[in-house]
Amino acid sequence: MTQNELYNLLKSTGLPVAYHHFDEPPSLPYIIYLFTYSSNFAADSKIYKRFDNYQVELYSEKKDLESEQLLENVFDENDIYYDKSETYIESEEMYQVIYEIQI
């Protein structure tokens, strides 16, 4: 899966999506995603299989189970494994749900 395909999958939720940041953030909820690192598999001194790790961040004003479910359905329907964590950003008064995925 390419980064462009990931973008299109995230857009299919109907939520605003941007890579890394929005120049002017839209109304909540919205999604930010970014490349975090690679964990490639090597064989014979070369890359045998590429694995790119991304962080997909869902921002919302309150705990938004509906938006989380939209995003998780997209991952599940496309066989994308994820780990999930959550925090509240007091300075921004918003929730951040982080999905760590590998494609």
PDB file of N, CA and C in Angstrom:
ATOM      1  N   MET A   1       0.849  -1.181   0.000  1.00  0.00           N
ATOM      2  CA  MET A   1       0.000   0.000   0.000  1.00  0.00           C
ATOM      3  C   MET A   1       0.894   1.242   0.000  1.00  0.00           C
ATOM      4  N   THR A   2       0.549   2.189  -0.825  1.00  0.00           N
ATOM      5  CA  THR A   2       1.310   3.429  -0.904  1.00  0.00           C
ATOM      6  C   THR A   2       0.747   4.467   0.058  1.00  0.00           C
ATOM      7  N   GLN A   3       1.508   5.532   0.246  1.00  0.00           N
ATOM      8  CA  GLN A   3       1.034   6.624   1.096  1.00  0.00           C
ATOM      9  C   GLN A   3      -0.218   7.250   0.501  1.00  0.00           C
ATOM     10  N   ASN A   4      -0.295   7.339  -0.817  1.00  0.00           N
ATOM     11  CA  ASN A   4      -1.471   7.888  -1.477  1.00  0.00           C
ATOM     12  C   ASN A   4      -2.704   7.009  -1.239  1.00  0.00           C
ATOM     13  N   GLU A   5      -2.518   5.694  -1.283  1.00  0.00           N
ATOM     14  CA  GLU A   5      -3.626   4.776  -1.008  1.00  0.00           C
ATOM     15  C   GLU A   5      -4.077   4.894   0.442  1.00  0.00           C
ATOM     16  N   LEU A   6      -3.128   5.065   1.358  1.00  0.00           N
ATOM     17  CA  LEU A   6      -3.489   5.272   2.765  1.00  0.00           C
ATOM     18  C   LEU A   6      -4.313   6.543   2.915  1.00  0.00           C
ATOM     19  N   TYR A   7      -3.887   7.609   2.265  1.00  0.00           N
ATOM     20  CA  TYR A   7      -4.637   8.863   2.303  1.00  0.00           C
ATOM     21  C   TYR A   7      -6.082   8.643   1.830  1.00  0.00           C
ATOM     22  N   ASN A   8      -6.248   7.940   0.717  1.00  0.00           N
ATOM     23  CA  ASN A   8      -7.588   7.696   0.188  1.00  0.00           C
ATOM     24  C   ASN A   8      -8.430   6.854   1.143  1.00  0.00           C
ATOM     25  N   LEU A   9      -7.819   5.877   1.798  1.00  0.00           N
ATOM     26  CA  LEU A   9      -8.551   5.082   2.791  1.00  0.00           C
ATOM     27  C   LEU A   9      -9.016   5.960   3.938  1.00  0.00           C
ATOM     28  N   LEU A  10      -8.140   6.819   4.422  1.00  0.00           N
ATOM     29  CA  LEU A  10      -8.502   7.699   5.537  1.00  0.00           C
ATOM     30  C   LEU A  10      -9.591   8.680   5.112  1.00  0.00           C
ATOM     31  N   LYS A  11      -9.525   9.192   3.886  1.00  0.00           N
ATOM     32  CA  LYS A  11     -10.554  10.103   3.368  1.00  0.00           C
ATOM     33  C   LYS A  11     -11.919   9.423   3.286  1.00  0.00           C
ATOM     34  N   SER A  12     -11.920   8.099   3.104  1.00  0.00           N
ATOM     35  CA  SER A  12     -13.189   7.372   2.985  1.00  0.00           C
ATOM     36  C   SER A  12     -14.013   7.427   4.271  1.00  0.00           C
ATOM     37  N   THR A  13     -13.413   7.866   5.372  1.00  0.00           N
ATOM     38  CA  THR A  13     -14.171   8.031   6.622  1.00  0.00           C
ATOM     39  C   THR A  13     -15.104   9.232   6.549  1.00  0.00           C
ATOM     40  N   GLY A  14     -14.835  10.153   5.620  1.00  0.00           N
ATOM     41  CA  GLY A  14     -15.620  11.378   5.518  1.00  0.00           C
ATOM     42  C   GLY A  14     -15.086  12.489   6.405  1.00  0.00           C
ATOM     43  N   LEU A  15     -14.015  12.212   7.158  1.00  0.00           N
ATOM     44  CA  LEU A  15     -13.411  13.227   8.021  1.00  0.00           C
ATOM     45  C   LEU A  15     -12.297  13.950   7.266  1.00  0.00           C
ATOM     46  N   PRO A  16     -12.036  15.216   7.617  1.00  0.00           N
ATOM     47  CA  PRO A  16     -10.904  15.912   7.003  1.00  0.00           C
ATOM     48  C   PRO A  16      -9.594  15.189   7.338  1.00  0.00           C
ATOM     49  N   VAL A  17      -8.689  15.099   6.354  1.00  0.00           N
ATOM     50  CA  VAL A  17      -7.423  14.377   6.514  1.00  0.00           C
ATOM     51  C   VAL A  17      -6.284  15.228   5.959  1.00  0.00           C
ATOM     52  N   ALA A  18      -5.148  15.212   6.670  1.00  0.00           N
ATOM     53  CA  ALA A  18      -3.944  15.878   6.176  1.00  0.00           C
ATOM     54  C   ALA A  18      -2.716  15.093   6.599  1.00  0.00           C
ATOM     55  N   TYR A  19      -1.675  15.197   5.778  1.00  0.00           N
ATOM     56  CA  TYR A  19      -0.393  14.606   6.151  1.00  0.00           C
ATOM     57  C   TYR A  19       0.335  15.595   7.053  1.00  0.00           C
ATOM     58  N   HIS A  20       0.684  15.172   8.226  1.00  0.00           N
ATOM     59  CA  HIS A  20       1.463  15.904   9.237  1.00  0.00           C
ATOM     60  C   HIS A  20       0.705  17.043   9.908  1.00  0.00           C
ATOM     61  N   HIS A  21       0.084  17.933   9.150  1.00  0.00           N
ATOM     62  CA  HIS A  21      -0.639  19.052   9.757  1.00  0.00           C
ATOM     63  C   HIS A  21      -1.527  19.733   8.716  1.00  0.00           C
ATOM     64  N   PHE A  22      -2.463  20.489   9.211  1.00  0.00           N
ATOM     65  CA  PHE A  22      -3.267  21.376   8.363  1.00  0.00           C
ATOM     66  C   PHE A  22      -2.659  22.774   8.477  1.00  0.00           C
ATOM     67  N   ASP A  23      -2.644  23.521   7.399  1.00  0.00           N
ATOM     68  CA  ASP A  23      -2.206  24.919   7.500  1.00  0.00           C
ATOM     69  C   ASP A  23      -3.184  25.697   8.373  1.00  0.00           C
ATOM     70  N   GLU A  24      -4.468  25.426   8.166  1.00  0.00           N
ATOM     71  CA  GLU A  24      -5.517  25.982   9.008  1.00  0.00           C
ATOM     72  C   GLU A  24      -6.425  24.828   9.401  1.00  0.00           C
ATOM     73  N   PRO A  25      -6.329  24.371  10.659  1.00  0.00           N
ATOM     74  CA  PRO A  25      -7.111  23.189  11.064  1.00  0.00           C
ATOM     75  C   PRO A  25      -8.616  23.382  10.858  1.00  0.00           C
ATOM     76  N   PRO A  26      -9.278  22.344  10.348  1.00  0.00           N
ATOM     77  CA  PRO A  26     -10.731  22.402  10.185  1.00  0.00           C
ATOM     78  C   PRO A  26     -11.415  22.183  11.534  1.00  0.00           C
ATOM     79  N   SER A  27     -12.710  22.199  11.513  1.00  0.00           N
ATOM     80  CA  SER A  27     -13.467  21.892  12.733  1.00  0.00           C
ATOM     81  C   SER A  27     -13.199  20.446  13.136  1.00  0.00           C
ATOM     82  N   LEU A  28     -13.235  20.205  14.429  1.00  0.00           N
ATOM     83  CA  LEU A  28     -13.074  18.844  14.946  1.00  0.00           C
ATOM     84  C   LEU A  28     -14.313  18.027  14.615  1.00  0.00           C
ATOM     85  N   PRO A  29     -14.196  16.725  14.423  1.00  0.00           N
ATOM     86  CA  PRO A  29     -12.998  15.886  14.438  1.00  0.00           C
ATOM     87  C   PRO A  29     -12.271  15.912  13.095  1.00  0.00           C
ATOM     88  N   TYR A  30     -10.966  15.605  13.146  1.00  0.00           N
ATOM     89  CA  TYR A  30     -10.172  15.472  11.938  1.00  0.00           C
ATOM     90  C   TYR A  30      -9.038  14.481  12.166  1.00  0.00           C
ATOM     91  N   ILE A  31      -8.396  14.104  11.047  1.00  0.00           N
ATOM     92  CA  ILE A  31      -7.343  13.090  11.081  1.00  0.00           C
ATOM     93  C   ILE A  31      -6.042  13.689  10.537  1.00  0.00           C
ATOM     94  N   ILE A  32      -4.957  13.395  11.242  1.00  0.00           N
ATOM     95  CA  ILE A  32      -3.608  13.708  10.784  1.00  0.00           C
ATOM     96  C   ILE A  32      -2.876  12.372  10.687  1.00  0.00           C
ATOM     97  N   TYR A  33      -2.052  12.191   9.662  1.00  0.00           N
ATOM     98  CA  TYR A  33      -1.236  10.983   9.607  1.00  0.00           C
ATOM     99  C   TYR A  33       0.173  11.359   9.186  1.00  0.00           C
ATOM    100  N   LEU A  34       1.156  10.561   9.612  1.00  0.00           N
ATOM    101  CA  LEU A  34       2.528  10.825   9.254  1.00  0.00           C
ATOM    102  C   LEU A  34       3.364   9.563   9.319  1.00  0.00           C
ATOM    103  N   PHE A  35       4.389   9.534   8.489  1.00  0.00           N
ATOM    104  CA  PHE A  35       5.355   8.442   8.475  1.00  0.00           C
ATOM    105  C   PHE A  35       6.205   8.582   9.729  1.00  0.00           C
ATOM    106  N   THR A  36       6.430   7.467  10.452  1.00  0.00           N
ATOM    107  CA  THR A  36       7.233   7.531  11.669  1.00  0.00           C
ATOM    108  C   THR A  36       8.580   6.856  11.527  1.00  0.00           C
ATOM    109  N   TYR A  37       8.623   5.677  10.905  1.00  0.00           N
ATOM    110  CA  TYR A  37       9.890   4.974  10.690  1.00  0.00           C
ATOM    111  C   TYR A  37       9.632   3.748   9.828  1.00  0.00           C
ATOM    112  N   SER A  38      10.718   3.180   9.305  1.00  0.00           N
ATOM    113  CA  SER A  38      10.590   1.935   8.551  1.00  0.00           C
ATOM    114  C   SER A  38      11.152   0.793   9.385  1.00  0.00           C
ATOM    115  N   SER A  39      10.651  -0.395   9.149  1.00  0.00           N
ATOM    116  CA  SER A  39      11.179  -1.597   9.804  1.00  0.00           C
ATOM    117  C   SER A  39      11.275  -2.677   8.735  1.00  0.00           C
ATOM    118  N   ASN A  40      12.198  -2.439   7.813  1.00  0.00           N
ATOM    119  CA  ASN A  40      12.353  -3.314   6.653  1.00  0.00           C
ATOM    120  C   ASN A  40      12.985  -4.649   7.032  1.00  0.00           C
ATOM    121  N   PHE A  41      12.692  -5.642   6.225  1.00  0.00           N
ATOM    122  CA  PHE A  41      13.274  -6.976   6.398  1.00  0.00           C
ATOM    123  C   PHE A  41      14.384  -7.128   5.370  1.00  0.00           C
ATOM    124  N   ALA A  42      15.571  -7.495   5.859  1.00  0.00           N
ATOM    125  CA  ALA A  42      16.732  -7.606   4.971  1.00  0.00           C
ATOM    126  C   ALA A  42      17.105  -9.064   4.743  1.00  0.00           C
ATOM    127  N   ALA A  43      17.617  -9.318   3.554  1.00  0.00           N
ATOM    128  CA  ALA A  43      18.158 -10.628   3.197  1.00  0.00           C
ATOM    129  C   ALA A  43      19.246 -10.409   2.154  1.00  0.00           C
ATOM    130  N   ASP A  44      20.357 -11.118   2.290  1.00  0.00           N
ATOM    131  CA  ASP A  44      21.466 -10.998   1.345  1.00  0.00           C
ATOM    132  C   ASP A  44      21.931  -9.553   1.173  1.00  0.00           C
ATOM    133  N   SER A  45      22.010  -8.844   2.279  1.00  0.00           N
ATOM    134  CA  SER A  45      22.514  -7.461   2.318  1.00  0.00           C
ATOM    135  C   SER A  45      21.681  -6.476   1.502  1.00  0.00           C
ATOM    136  N   LYS A  46      20.405  -6.757   1.333  1.00  0.00           N
ATOM    137  CA  LYS A  46      19.529  -5.798   0.668  1.00  0.00           C
ATOM    138  C   LYS A  46      18.126  -5.913   1.273  1.00  0.00           C
ATOM    139  N   ILE A  47      17.303  -4.931   0.985  1.00  0.00           N
ATOM    140  CA  ILE A  47      15.931  -4.942   1.502  1.00  0.00           C
ATOM    141  C   ILE A  47      15.139  -5.993   0.751  1.00  0.00           C
ATOM    142  N   TYR A  48      14.620  -6.938   1.490  1.00  0.00           N
ATOM    143  CA  TYR A  48      13.806  -8.009   0.923  1.00  0.00           C
ATOM    144  C   TYR A  48      12.335  -7.608   0.933  1.00  0.00           C
ATOM    145  N   LYS A  49      11.898  -6.978   2.015  1.00  0.00           N
ATOM    146  CA  LYS A  49      10.500  -6.550   2.148  1.00  0.00           C
ATOM    147  C   LYS A  49      10.464  -5.234   2.909  1.00  0.00           C
ATOM    148  N   ARG A  50       9.758  -4.246   2.360  1.00  0.00           N
ATOM    149  CA  ARG A  50       9.645  -2.929   2.991  1.00  0.00           C
ATOM    150  C   ARG A  50       8.407  -2.867   3.887  1.00  0.00           C
ATOM    151  N   PHE A  51       8.579  -2.285   5.060  1.00  0.00           N
ATOM    152  CA  PHE A  51       7.476  -2.042   5.979  1.00  0.00           C
ATOM    153  C   PHE A  51       7.570  -0.600   6.447  1.00  0.00           C
ATOM    154  N   ASP A  52       6.547   0.188   6.152  1.00  0.00           N
ATOM    155  CA  ASP A  52       6.499   1.578   6.594  1.00  0.00           C
ATOM    156  C   ASP A  52       5.512   1.692   7.747  1.00  0.00           C
ATOM    157  N   ASN A  53       5.937   2.382   8.778  1.00  0.00           N
ATOM    158  CA  ASN A  53       5.112   2.581   9.967  1.00  0.00           C
ATOM    159  C   ASN A  53       4.584   4.009   9.979  1.00  0.00           C
ATOM    160  N   TYR A  54       3.294   4.121  10.200  1.00  0.00           N
ATOM    161  CA  TYR A  54       2.630   5.416  10.229  1.00  0.00           C
ATOM    162  C   TYR A  54       1.902   5.597  11.548  1.00  0.00           C
ATOM    163  N   GLN A  55       1.741   6.844  11.907  1.00  0.00           N
ATOM    164  CA  GLN A  55       0.917   7.213  13.051  1.00  0.00           C
ATOM    165  C   GLN A  55      -0.291   7.954  12.496  1.00  0.00           C
ATOM    166  N   VAL A  56      -1.477   7.453  12.806  1.00  0.00           N
ATOM    167  CA  VAL A  56      -2.725   8.079  12.387  1.00  0.00           C
ATOM    168  C   VAL A  56      -3.360   8.659  13.649  1.00  0.00           C
ATOM    169  N   GLU A  57      -3.590   9.961  13.649  1.00  0.00           N
ATOM    170  CA  GLU A  57      -4.083  10.652  14.840  1.00  0.00           C
ATOM    171  C   GLU A  57      -5.479  11.202  14.584  1.00  0.00           C
ATOM    172  N   LEU A  58      -6.394  10.838  15.458  1.00  0.00           N
ATOM    173  CA  LEU A  58      -7.767  11.345  15.399  1.00  0.00           C
ATOM    174  C   LEU A  58      -7.930  12.375  16.505  1.00  0.00           C
ATOM    175  N   TYR A  59      -8.313  13.587  16.135  1.00  0.00           N
ATOM    176  CA  TYR A  59      -8.517  14.662  17.107  1.00  0.00           C
ATOM    177  C   TYR A  59     -10.007  14.967  17.212  1.00  0.00           C
ATOM    178  N   SER A  60     -10.479  15.132  18.443  1.00  0.00           N
ATOM    179  CA  SER A  60     -11.894  15.429  18.655  1.00  0.00           C
ATOM    180  C   SER A  60     -12.069  16.283  19.909  1.00  0.00           C
ATOM    181  N   GLU A  61     -13.190  16.979  19.958  1.00  0.00           N
ATOM    182  CA  GLU A  61     -13.498  17.868  21.074  1.00  0.00           C
ATOM    183  C   GLU A  61     -13.885  17.083  22.323  1.00  0.00           C
ATOM    184  N   LYS A  62     -14.562  15.956  22.127  1.00  0.00           N
ATOM    185  CA  LYS A  62     -14.972  15.069  23.214  1.00  0.00           C
ATOM    186  C   LYS A  62     -14.674  13.640  22.784  1.00  0.00           C
ATOM    187  N   LYS A  63     -14.810  12.718  23.682  1.00  0.00           N
ATOM    188  CA  LYS A  63     -14.614  11.311  23.324  1.00  0.00           C
ATOM    189  C   LYS A  63     -15.590  10.983  22.203  1.00  0.00           C
ATOM    190  N   ASP A  64     -15.062  10.619  21.035  1.00  0.00           N
ATOM    191  CA  ASP A  64     -15.880  10.462  19.833  1.00  0.00           C
ATOM    192  C   ASP A  64     -15.838   9.008  19.354  1.00  0.00           C
ATOM    193  N   LEU A  65     -16.659   8.176  19.964  1.00  0.00           N
ATOM    194  CA  LEU A  65     -16.683   6.756  19.635  1.00  0.00           C
ATOM    195  C   LEU A  65     -17.089   6.502  18.185  1.00  0.00           C
ATOM    196  N   GLU A  66     -17.956   7.338  17.656  1.00  0.00           N
ATOM    197  CA  GLU A  66     -18.416   7.164  16.276  1.00  0.00           C
ATOM    198  C   GLU A  66     -17.264   7.351  15.281  1.00  0.00           C
ATOM    199  N   SER A  67     -16.474   8.402  15.457  1.00  0.00           N
ATOM    200  CA  SER A  67     -15.335   8.639  14.561  1.00  0.00           C
ATOM    201  C   SER A  67     -14.277   7.562  14.730  1.00  0.00           C
ATOM    202  N   GLU A  68     -14.054   7.122  15.964  1.00  0.00           N
ATOM    203  CA  GLU A  68     -13.101   6.037  16.193  1.00  0.00           C
ATOM    204  C   GLU A  68     -13.554   4.781  15.456  1.00  0.00           C
ATOM    205  N   GLN A  69     -14.846   4.482  15.529  1.00  0.00           N
ATOM    206  CA  GLN A  69     -15.361   3.290  14.868  1.00  0.00           C
ATOM    207  C   GLN A  69     -15.243   3.394  13.355  1.00  0.00           C
ATOM    208  N   LEU A  70     -15.488   4.583  12.800  1.00  0.00           N
ATOM    209  CA  LEU A  70     -15.309   4.791  11.349  1.00  0.00           C
ATOM    210  C   LEU A  70     -13.888   4.442  10.930  1.00  0.00           C
ATOM    211  N   LEU A  71     -12.932   4.958  11.678  1.00  0.00           N
ATOM    212  CA  LEU A  71     -11.526   4.728  11.356  1.00  0.00           C
ATOM    213  C   LEU A  71     -11.137   3.264  11.547  1.00  0.00           C
ATOM    214  N   GLU A  72     -11.584   2.669  12.634  1.00  0.00           N
ATOM    215  CA  GLU A  72     -11.270   1.266  12.899  1.00  0.00           C
ATOM    216  C   GLU A  72     -11.914   0.343  11.869  1.00  0.00           C
ATOM    217  N   ASN A  73     -13.101   0.689  11.394  1.00  0.00           N
ATOM    218  CA  ASN A  73     -13.745  -0.103  10.334  1.00  0.00           C
ATOM    219  C   ASN A  73     -12.906  -0.074   9.057  1.00  0.00           C
ATOM    220  N   VAL A  74     -12.357   1.090   8.710  1.00  0.00           N
ATOM    221  CA  VAL A  74     -11.505   1.201   7.528  1.00  0.00           C
ATOM    222  C   VAL A  74     -10.279   0.311   7.692  1.00  0.00           C
ATOM    223  N   PHE A  75      -9.670   0.338   8.859  1.00  0.00           N
ATOM    224  CA  PHE A  75      -8.503  -0.516   9.096  1.00  0.00           C
ATOM    225  C   PHE A  75      -8.888  -1.993   9.015  1.00  0.00           C
ATOM    226  N   ASP A  76      -9.974  -2.363   9.675  1.00  0.00           N
ATOM    227  CA  ASP A  76     -10.402  -3.765   9.693  1.00  0.00           C
ATOM    228  C   ASP A  76     -10.755  -4.268   8.296  1.00  0.00           C
ATOM    229  N   GLU A  77     -11.485  -3.461   7.532  1.00  0.00           N
ATOM    230  CA  GLU A  77     -11.908  -3.866   6.192  1.00  0.00           C
ATOM    231  C   GLU A  77     -10.735  -4.013   5.226  1.00  0.00           C
ATOM    232  N   ASN A  78      -9.608  -3.378   5.554  1.00  0.00           N
ATOM    233  CA  ASN A  78      -8.435  -3.429   4.679  1.00  0.00           C
ATOM    234  C   ASN A  78      -7.288  -4.213   5.301  1.00  0.00           C
ATOM    235  N   ASP A  79      -7.618  -5.010   6.314  1.00  0.00           N
ATOM    236  CA  ASP A  79      -6.634  -5.879   6.977  1.00  0.00           C
ATOM    237  C   ASP A  79      -5.402  -5.117   7.445  1.00  0.00           C
ATOM    238  N   ILE A  80      -5.628  -3.946   8.035  1.00  0.00           N
ATOM    239  CA  ILE A  80      -4.535  -3.145   8.586  1.00  0.00           C
ATOM    240  C   ILE A  80      -4.563  -3.297  10.100  1.00  0.00           C
ATOM    241  N   TYR A  81      -3.511  -3.923  10.624  1.00  0.00           N
ATOM    242  CA  TYR A  81      -3.388  -4.111  12.070  1.00  0.00           C
ATOM    243  C   TYR A  81      -3.038  -2.762  12.706  1.00  0.00           C
ATOM    244  N   TYR A  82      -3.588  -2.491  13.884  1.00  0.00           N
ATOM    245  CA  TYR A  82      -3.273  -1.239  14.569  1.00  0.00           C
ATOM    246  C   TYR A  82      -3.152  -1.451  16.071  1.00  0.00           C
ATOM    247  N   ASP A  83      -2.343  -0.599  16.677  1.00  0.00           N
ATOM    248  CA  ASP A  83      -2.294  -0.442  18.125  1.00  0.00           C
ATOM    249  C   ASP A  83      -2.844   0.945  18.392  1.00  0.00           C
ATOM    250  N   LYS A  84      -3.557   1.090  19.507  1.00  0.00           N
ATOM    251  CA  LYS A  84      -4.294   2.316  19.771  1.00  0.00           C
ATOM    252  C   LYS A  84      -3.948   2.856  21.158  1.00  0.00           C
ATOM    253  N   SER A  85      -3.816   4.174  21.254  1.00  0.00           N
ATOM    254  CA  SER A  85      -3.636   4.828  22.547  1.00  0.00           C
ATOM    255  C   SER A  85      -4.413   6.142  22.520  1.00  0.00           C
ATOM    256  N   GLU A  86      -4.605   6.722  23.686  1.00  0.00           N
ATOM    257  CA  GLU A  86      -5.419   7.934  23.770  1.00  0.00           C
ATOM    258  C   GLU A  86      -4.868   8.865  24.825  1.00  0.00           C
ATOM    259  N   THR A  87      -5.007  10.153  24.575  1.00  0.00           N
ATOM    260  CA  THR A  87      -4.622  11.154  25.563  1.00  0.00           C
ATOM    261  C   THR A  87      -5.523  12.376  25.405  1.00  0.00           C
ATOM    262  N   TYR A  88      -5.571  13.185  26.452  1.00  0.00           N
ATOM    263  CA  TYR A  88      -6.281  14.461  26.385  1.00  0.00           C
ATOM    264  C   TYR A  88      -5.227  15.552  26.407  1.00  0.00           C
ATOM    265  N   ILE A  89      -5.285  16.456  25.444  1.00  0.00           N
ATOM    266  CA  ILE A  89      -4.331  17.556  25.360  1.00  0.00           C
ATOM    267  C   ILE A  89      -4.979  18.780  26.007  1.00  0.00           C
ATOM    268  N   GLU A  90      -4.606  19.045  27.241  1.00  0.00           N
ATOM    269  CA  GLU A  90      -5.245  20.131  27.994  1.00  0.00           C
ATOM    270  C   GLU A  90      -5.065  21.496  27.339  1.00  0.00           C
ATOM    271  N   SER A  91      -3.856  21.779  26.856  1.00  0.00           N
ATOM    272  CA  SER A  91      -3.588  23.094  26.267  1.00  0.00           C
ATOM    273  C   SER A  91      -4.445  23.364  25.027  1.00  0.00           C
ATOM    274  N   GLU A  92      -4.864  22.306  24.336  1.00  0.00           N
ATOM    275  CA  GLU A  92      -5.684  22.441  23.131  1.00  0.00           C
ATOM    276  C   GLU A  92      -7.149  22.108  23.394  1.00  0.00           C
ATOM    277  N   GLU A  93      -7.420  21.574  24.571  1.00  0.00           N
ATOM    278  CA  GLU A  93      -8.773  21.147  24.958  1.00  0.00           C
ATOM    279  C   GLU A  93      -9.365  20.186  23.926  1.00  0.00           C
ATOM    280  N   MET A  94      -8.579  19.133  23.611  1.00  0.00           N
ATOM    281  CA  MET A  94      -9.058  18.133  22.666  1.00  0.00           C
ATOM    282  C   MET A  94      -8.472  16.770  22.999  1.00  0.00           C
ATOM    283  N   TYR A  95      -9.173  15.756  22.521  1.00  0.00           N
ATOM    284  CA  TYR A  95      -8.703  14.381  22.666  1.00  0.00           C
ATOM    285  C   TYR A  95      -7.881  14.008  21.443  1.00  0.00           C
ATOM    286  N   GLN A  96      -6.889  13.174  21.681  1.00  0.00           N
ATOM    287  CA  GLN A  96      -6.064  12.637  20.598  1.00  0.00           C
ATOM    288  C   GLN A  96      -6.040  11.113  20.746  1.00  0.00           C
ATOM    289  N   VAL A  97      -6.536  10.427  19.734  1.00  0.00           N
ATOM    290  CA  VAL A  97      -6.467   8.977  19.687  1.00  0.00           C
ATOM    291  C   VAL A  97      -5.435   8.637  18.623  1.00  0.00           C
ATOM    292  N   ILE A  98      -4.424   7.872  19.006  1.00  0.00           N
ATOM    293  CA  ILE A  98      -3.323   7.542  18.101  1.00  0.00           C
ATOM    294  C   ILE A  98      -3.418   6.085  17.701  1.00  0.00           C
ATOM    295  N   TYR A  99      -3.375   5.847  16.407  1.00  0.00           N
ATOM    296  CA  TYR A  99      -3.332   4.501  15.849  1.00  0.00           C
ATOM    297  C   TYR A  99      -1.964   4.325  15.214  1.00  0.00           C
ATOM    298  N   GLU A 100      -1.226   3.316  15.634  1.00  0.00           N
ATOM    299  CA  GLU A 100       0.053   2.995  15.029  1.00  0.00           C
ATOM    300  C   GLU A 100      -0.181   1.830  14.079  1.00  0.00           C
ATOM    301  N   ILE A 101       0.147   2.055  12.805  1.00  0.00           N
ATOM    302  CA  ILE A 101      -0.105   1.040  11.778  1.00  0.00           C
ATOM    303  C   ILE A 101       1.165   0.766  10.986  1.00  0.00           C
ATOM    304  N   GLN A 102       1.188  -0.356  10.297  1.00  0.00           N
ATOM    305  CA  GLN A 102       2.309  -0.724   9.433  1.00  0.00           C
ATOM    306  C   GLN A 102       1.742  -1.140   8.088  1.00  0.00           C
ATOM    307  N   ILE A 103       2.292  -0.539   7.019  1.00  0.00           N
ATOM    308  CA  ILE A 103       1.820  -0.888   5.685  1.00  0.00           C
ATOM    309  C   ILE A 103       3.008  -1.226   4.793  1.00  0.00           C
TER     310      ILE A 103
END
